[in-house]
Amino acid sequence: MITMLRQPSSGQTIVETVVALAAVTVGLLGILGLLSQSIFISKNVSTDTTATYLAAEGIEIAHNLVYHDVYENLAGFGTGWGTCFLQGTHQDEIDYTTTNCPAIHSYSASDPDYLEYNPTLHRYLYQYDDTTGGGSPTIFTRDITVSQNSVTAPIVVRSTVWWNIGLPTQQSIMLEDTFYNWHPAP
């Protein structure tokens, strides 16, 4: 009996190689898709966190200005509780460098004022001068709304931050706090 050895078919090896390459390609594309989504979500979380901190900073700025008036009044030369902001005042250009009652400058959705970030100082401001090293524009705008029914009533402060994550998509976060007049009159 004669036994014939069978030689492998070269066509079968090519098909196996193509199938193996397709499986590897699909696996790599899946991994790249997950990596891309992970980077996108990470950037959105970072942006959301920054916006939340900027909104909280707006509340703190208003808080500092209200109590600055109280302490000046206690020293005998201020106007007192709740007089820094007018009823329903919108402020979009106050930042942590603001030390006195700001002039009224209303937020405009059609022409917003963007915060600038200074990487040297790690600060967000509206205007930089040459002594601070300048800043680069960001995607964030902020509006601080102050409401008070009377001079002795609590002050309600809303700090809203807007930003765009794409052409049609604008996002915002709004924080609110209430300040009560617990300081004695001078």
C-alpha atoms as a PDB file:
ATOM      1  CA  MET A   1       0.000   0.000   0.000  1.00  0.00           C
ATOM      2  CA  ILE A   2       1.264   3.306  -0.957  1.00  0.00           C
ATOM      3  CA  THR A   3       0.663   6.190   1.434  1.00  0.00           C
ATOM      4  CA  MET A   4       0.521   9.620   0.035  1.00  0.00           C
ATOM      5  CA  LEU A   5       1.477  12.535   2.154  1.00  0.00           C
ATOM      6  CA  ARG A   6      -0.844  15.406   1.795  1.00  0.00           C
ATOM      7  CA  GLN A   7       0.660  18.805   1.287  1.00  0.00           C
ATOM      8  CA  PRO A   8      -1.047  21.806   2.899  1.00  0.00           C
ATOM      9  CA  SER A   9      -3.017  23.984   0.593  1.00  0.00           C
ATOM     10  CA  SER A  10      -1.643  27.486   0.279  1.00  0.00           C
ATOM     11  CA  GLY A  11      -5.168  28.913  -0.158  1.00  0.00           C
ATOM     12  CA  GLN A  12      -6.206  27.623   3.248  1.00  0.00           C
ATOM     13  CA  THR A  13      -3.283  29.391   4.964  1.00  0.00           C
ATOM     14  CA  ILE A  14      -4.194  32.721   3.347  1.00  0.00           C
ATOM     15  CA  VAL A  15      -7.819  32.417   4.518  1.00  0.00           C
ATOM     16  CA  GLU A  16      -6.702  31.630   8.066  1.00  0.00           C
ATOM     17  CA  THR A  17      -4.352  34.618   8.048  1.00  0.00           C
ATOM     18  CA  VAL A  18      -7.069  36.998   6.797  1.00  0.00           C
ATOM     19  CA  VAL A  19      -9.508  35.765   9.465  1.00  0.00           C
ATOM     20  CA  ALA A  20      -6.882  36.153  12.188  1.00  0.00           C
ATOM     21  CA  LEU A  21      -6.019  39.686  11.005  1.00  0.00           C
ATOM     22  CA  ALA A  22      -9.708  40.623  10.925  1.00  0.00           C
ATOM     23  CA  ALA A  23     -10.175  39.372  14.491  1.00  0.00           C
ATOM     24  CA  VAL A  24      -7.140  41.326  15.707  1.00  0.00           C
ATOM     25  CA  THR A  25      -8.304  44.457  13.851  1.00  0.00           C
ATOM     26  CA  VAL A  26     -11.802  44.286  15.367  1.00  0.00           C
ATOM     27  CA  GLY A  27     -10.260  43.853  18.829  1.00  0.00           C
ATOM     28  CA  LEU A  28      -7.918  46.828  18.370  1.00  0.00           C
ATOM     29  CA  LEU A  29     -10.729  49.021  17.027  1.00  0.00           C
ATOM     30  CA  GLY A  30     -12.810  48.164  20.075  1.00  0.00           C
ATOM     31  CA  ILE A  31      -9.952  49.078  22.402  1.00  0.00           C
ATOM     32  CA  LEU A  32      -9.337  52.367  20.537  1.00  0.00           C
ATOM     33  CA  GLY A  33     -13.063  53.191  20.719  1.00  0.00           C
ATOM     34  CA  LEU A  34     -13.072  52.642  24.478  1.00  0.00           C
ATOM     35  CA  LEU A  35      -9.912  54.721  24.854  1.00  0.00           C
ATOM     36  CA  SER A  36     -11.452  57.552  22.819  1.00  0.00           C
ATOM     37  CA  GLN A  37     -14.639  57.496  24.924  1.00  0.00           C
ATOM     38  CA  SER A  38     -12.568  57.426  28.106  1.00  0.00           C
ATOM     39  CA  ILE A  39     -10.605  60.529  27.059  1.00  0.00           C
ATOM     40  CA  PHE A  40     -13.825  62.349  26.062  1.00  0.00           C
ATOM     41  CA  ILE A  41     -15.536  61.527  29.364  1.00  0.00           C
ATOM     42  CA  SER A  42     -12.433  62.487  31.336  1.00  0.00           C
ATOM     43  CA  LYS A  43     -12.303  65.880  29.597  1.00  0.00           C
ATOM     44  CA  ASN A  44     -16.027  66.472  30.254  1.00  0.00           C
ATOM     45  CA  VAL A  45     -15.652  65.581  33.934  1.00  0.00           C
ATOM     46  CA  SER A  46     -12.687  67.938  34.201  1.00  0.00           C
ATOM     47  CA  THR A  47     -14.663  70.746  32.526  1.00  0.00           C
ATOM     48  CA  ASP A  48     -17.707  70.120  34.742  1.00  0.00           C
ATOM     49  CA  THR A  49     -15.527  70.209  37.849  1.00  0.00           C
ATOM     50  CA  THR A  50     -13.896  73.484  36.802  1.00  0.00           C
ATOM     51  CA  ALA A  51     -17.323  75.023  36.095  1.00  0.00           C
ATOM     52  CA  THR A  52     -18.567  73.913  39.522  1.00  0.00           C
ATOM     53  CA  TYR A  53     -15.580  75.521  41.233  1.00  0.00           C
ATOM     54  CA  LEU A  54     -16.054  78.739  39.229  1.00  0.00           C
ATOM     55  CA  ALA A  55     -19.732  78.873  40.242  1.00  0.00           C
ATOM     56  CA  ALA A  56     -18.778  78.308  43.900  1.00  0.00           C
ATOM     57  CA  GLU A  57     -16.171  81.054  43.572  1.00  0.00           C
ATOM     58  CA  GLY A  58     -18.918  83.408  42.360  1.00  0.00           C
ATOM     59  CA  ILE A  59     -20.893  82.711  45.542  1.00  0.00           C
ATOM     60  CA  GLU A  60     -17.795  83.360  47.659  1.00  0.00           C
ATOM     61  CA  ILE A  61     -17.056  86.626  45.842  1.00  0.00           C
ATOM     62  CA  ALA A  62     -20.578  87.906  46.574  1.00  0.00           C
ATOM     63  CA  HIS A  63     -20.249  86.680  50.177  1.00  0.00           C
ATOM     64  CA  ASN A  64     -16.990  88.584  50.625  1.00  0.00           C
ATOM     65  CA  LEU A  65     -18.461  91.786  49.167  1.00  0.00           C
ATOM     66  CA  VAL A  66     -21.555  91.615  51.393  1.00  0.00           C
ATOM     67  CA  TYR A  67     -19.510  91.128  54.544  1.00  0.00           C
ATOM     68  CA  HIS A  68     -16.960  93.726  53.447  1.00  0.00           C
ATOM     69  CA  ASP A  69     -19.832  96.241  53.575  1.00  0.00           C
ATOM     70  CA  VAL A  70     -20.838  95.000  57.041  1.00  0.00           C
ATOM     71  CA  TYR A  71     -17.341  95.401  58.454  1.00  0.00           C
ATOM     72  CA  GLU A  72     -16.888  98.824  56.901  1.00  0.00           C
ATOM     73  CA  ASN A  73     -20.206  99.852  58.445  1.00  0.00           C
ATOM     74  CA  LEU A  74     -19.105  98.564  61.857  1.00  0.00           C
ATOM     75  CA  ALA A  75     -15.941 100.638  61.472  1.00  0.00           C
ATOM     76  CA  GLY A  76     -18.119 103.694  60.901  1.00  0.00           C
ATOM     77  CA  PHE A  77     -17.612 104.443  57.214  1.00  0.00           C
ATOM     78  CA  GLY A  78     -19.572 101.820  55.306  1.00  0.00           C
ATOM     79  CA  THR A  79     -23.154 101.514  54.178  1.00  0.00           C
ATOM     80  CA  GLY A  80     -24.011  98.258  55.959  1.00  0.00           C
ATOM     81  CA  TRP A  81     -25.722  94.986  55.300  1.00  0.00           C
ATOM     82  CA  GLY A  82     -27.111  94.356  51.848  1.00  0.00           C
ATOM     83  CA  THR A  83     -26.272  97.686  50.264  1.00  0.00           C
ATOM     84  CA  CYS A  84     -23.473  96.569  47.952  1.00  0.00           C
ATOM     85  CA  PHE A  85     -25.752  94.992  45.378  1.00  0.00           C
ATOM     86  CA  LEU A  86     -28.951  96.419  44.000  1.00  0.00           C
ATOM     87  CA  GLN A  87     -32.103  94.282  43.799  1.00  0.00           C
ATOM     88  CA  GLY A  88     -31.821  91.787  40.946  1.00  0.00           C
ATOM     89  CA  THR A  89     -28.306  92.882  40.050  1.00  0.00           C
ATOM     90  CA  HIS A  90     -26.485  90.712  37.523  1.00  0.00           C
ATOM     91  CA  GLN A  91     -22.703  90.763  37.690  1.00  0.00           C
ATOM     92  CA  ASP A  92     -20.557  89.025  35.147  1.00  0.00           C
ATOM     93  CA  GLU A  93     -17.217  90.745  35.553  1.00  0.00           C
ATOM     94  CA  ILE A  94     -16.354  90.324  39.201  1.00  0.00           C
ATOM     95  CA  ASP A  95     -13.636  87.953  40.257  1.00  0.00           C
ATOM     96  CA  TYR A  96     -11.552  87.275  43.340  1.00  0.00           C
ATOM     97  CA  THR A  97      -9.660  90.566  42.886  1.00  0.00           C
ATOM     98  CA  THR A  98     -12.864  92.640  43.266  1.00  0.00           C
ATOM     99  CA  THR A  99     -12.715  94.447  46.617  1.00  0.00           C
ATOM    100  CA  ASN A 100     -15.483  97.055  46.404  1.00  0.00           C
ATOM    101  CA  CYS A 101     -19.076  97.115  45.257  1.00  0.00           C
ATOM    102  CA  PRO A 102     -18.878  96.563  41.532  1.00  0.00           C
ATOM    103  CA  ALA A 103     -20.458  98.765  38.939  1.00  0.00           C
ATOM    104  CA  ILE A 104     -23.484  97.150  37.345  1.00  0.00           C
ATOM    105  CA  HIS A 105     -22.453  95.208  34.287  1.00  0.00           C
ATOM    106  CA  SER A 106     -25.153  92.874  33.100  1.00  0.00           C
ATOM    107  CA  TYR A 107     -24.556  89.517  31.507  1.00  0.00           C
ATOM    108  CA  SER A 108     -25.202  89.415  27.782  1.00  0.00           C
ATOM    109  CA  ALA A 109     -25.790  86.034  26.154  1.00  0.00           C
ATOM    110  CA  SER A 110     -25.060  87.520  22.729  1.00  0.00           C
ATOM    111  CA  ASP A 111     -21.733  89.023  23.836  1.00  0.00           C
ATOM    112  CA  PRO A 112     -20.495  87.193  26.943  1.00  0.00           C
ATOM    113  CA  ASP A 113     -17.297  88.078  28.760  1.00  0.00           C
ATOM    114  CA  TYR A 114     -15.111  85.002  29.028  1.00  0.00           C
ATOM    115  CA  LEU A 115     -12.930  84.288  32.023  1.00  0.00           C
ATOM    116  CA  GLU A 116      -9.207  84.077  31.362  1.00  0.00           C
ATOM    117  CA  TYR A 117      -6.891  81.537  32.971  1.00  0.00           C
ATOM    118  CA  ASN A 118      -3.409  82.450  34.136  1.00  0.00           C
ATOM    119  CA  PRO A 119      -1.302  79.263  34.363  1.00  0.00           C
ATOM    120  CA  THR A 120       1.405  81.022  36.380  1.00  0.00           C
ATOM    121  CA  LEU A 121      -0.976  82.166  39.119  1.00  0.00           C
ATOM    122  CA  HIS A 122      -3.447  79.280  38.634  1.00  0.00           C
ATOM    123  CA  ARG A 123      -6.268  81.839  38.672  1.00  0.00           C
ATOM    124  CA  TYR A 124      -9.343  82.669  36.609  1.00  0.00           C
ATOM    125  CA  LEU A 125      -9.843  86.416  36.105  1.00  0.00           C
ATOM    126  CA  TYR A 126     -11.603  88.747  33.712  1.00  0.00           C
ATOM    127  CA  GLN A 127      -8.797  91.206  33.102  1.00  0.00           C
ATOM    128  CA  TYR A 128      -5.091  90.679  33.462  1.00  0.00           C
ATOM    129  CA  ASP A 129      -2.420  93.305  33.468  1.00  0.00           C
ATOM    130  CA  ASP A 130       1.263  93.025  32.650  1.00  0.00           C
ATOM    131  CA  THR A 131       2.226  92.425  36.285  1.00  0.00           C
ATOM    132  CA  THR A 132       0.279  89.149  36.448  1.00  0.00           C
ATOM    133  CA  GLY A 133       1.764  87.691  33.293  1.00  0.00           C
ATOM    134  CA  GLY A 134      -1.427  87.656  31.241  1.00  0.00           C
ATOM    135  CA  GLY A 135      -3.991  84.958  30.737  1.00  0.00           C
ATOM    136  CA  SER A 136      -5.464  82.848  28.005  1.00  0.00           C
ATOM    137  CA  PRO A 137      -9.202  82.888  27.174  1.00  0.00           C
ATOM    138  CA  THR A 138     -11.318  80.003  28.403  1.00  0.00           C
ATOM    139  CA  ILE A 139     -14.715  78.611  27.417  1.00  0.00           C
ATOM    140  CA  PHE A 140     -16.327  79.779  30.689  1.00  0.00           C
ATOM    141  CA  THR A 141     -18.603  82.752  31.385  1.00  0.00           C
ATOM    142  CA  ARG A 142     -20.129  83.537  34.775  1.00  0.00           C
ATOM    143  CA  ASP A 143     -23.182  85.510  35.899  1.00  0.00           C
ATOM    144  CA  ILE A 144     -23.802  86.330  39.549  1.00  0.00           C
ATOM    145  CA  THR A 145     -27.399  87.335  40.391  1.00  0.00           C
ATOM    146  CA  VAL A 146     -28.175  88.948  43.745  1.00  0.00           C
ATOM    147  CA  SER A 147     -31.761  89.198  45.065  1.00  0.00           C
ATOM    148  CA  GLN A 148     -32.949  90.897  48.244  1.00  0.00           C
ATOM    149  CA  ASN A 149     -36.486  92.060  49.106  1.00  0.00           C
ATOM    150  CA  SER A 150     -35.428  94.683  51.652  1.00  0.00           C
ATOM    151  CA  VAL A 151     -32.266  95.899  53.322  1.00  0.00           C
ATOM    152  CA  THR A 152     -32.830  93.625  56.329  1.00  0.00           C
ATOM    153  CA  ALA A 153     -34.011  90.575  54.358  1.00  0.00           C
ATOM    154  CA  PRO A 154     -31.752  87.641  53.499  1.00  0.00           C
ATOM    155  CA  ILE A 155     -29.661  87.987  50.367  1.00  0.00           C
ATOM    156  CA  VAL A 156     -30.018  85.221  47.778  1.00  0.00           C
ATOM    157  CA  VAL A 157     -27.048  84.803  45.453  1.00  0.00           C
ATOM    158  CA  ARG A 158     -27.087  82.666  42.303  1.00  0.00           C
ATOM    159  CA  SER A 159     -23.878  81.983  40.465  1.00  0.00           C
ATOM    160  CA  THR A 160     -24.288  80.502  36.984  1.00  0.00           C
ATOM    161  CA  VAL A 161     -21.433  79.349  34.762  1.00  0.00           C
ATOM    162  CA  TRP A 162     -21.908  78.579  31.050  1.00  0.00           C
ATOM    163  CA  TRP A 163     -19.583  76.802  28.661  1.00  0.00           C
ATOM    164  CA  ASN A 164     -19.738  75.238  25.204  1.00  0.00           C
ATOM    165  CA  ILE A 165     -18.564  71.703  24.568  1.00  0.00           C
ATOM    166  CA  GLY A 166     -19.346  71.822  20.869  1.00  0.00           C
ATOM    167  CA  LEU A 167     -21.062  73.991  18.328  1.00  0.00           C
ATOM    168  CA  PRO A 168     -24.693  73.283  19.259  1.00  0.00           C
ATOM    169  CA  THR A 169     -24.204  72.297  22.883  1.00  0.00           C
ATOM    170  CA  GLN A 170     -24.100  74.816  25.709  1.00  0.00           C
ATOM    171  CA  GLN A 171     -23.977  73.580  29.265  1.00  0.00           C
ATOM    172  CA  SER A 172     -24.419  75.410  32.534  1.00  0.00           C
ATOM    173  CA  ILE A 173     -24.338  74.936  36.258  1.00  0.00           C
ATOM    174  CA  MET A 174     -26.094  77.148  38.787  1.00  0.00           C
ATOM    175  CA  LEU A 175     -25.352  77.306  42.509  1.00  0.00           C
ATOM    176  CA  GLU A 176     -27.422  79.272  45.004  1.00  0.00           C
ATOM    177  CA  ASP A 177     -26.778  80.384  48.558  1.00  0.00           C
ATOM    178  CA  THR A 178     -28.643  82.555  51.056  1.00  0.00           C
ATOM    179  CA  PHE A 179     -26.923  85.011  53.402  1.00  0.00           C
ATOM    180  CA  TYR A 180     -28.663  86.122  56.583  1.00  0.00           C
ATOM    181  CA  ASN A 181     -28.041  89.373  58.445  1.00  0.00           C
ATOM    182  CA  TRP A 182     -26.840  88.246  61.828  1.00  0.00           C
ATOM    183  CA  HIS A 183     -24.545  91.237  62.435  1.00  0.00           C
ATOM    184  CA  PRO A 184     -25.618  93.859  64.962  1.00  0.00           C
ATOM    185  CA  ALA A 185     -26.116  97.431  63.837  1.00  0.00           C
ATOM    186  CA  PRO A 186     -23.281  99.773  64.885  1.00  0.00           C
END
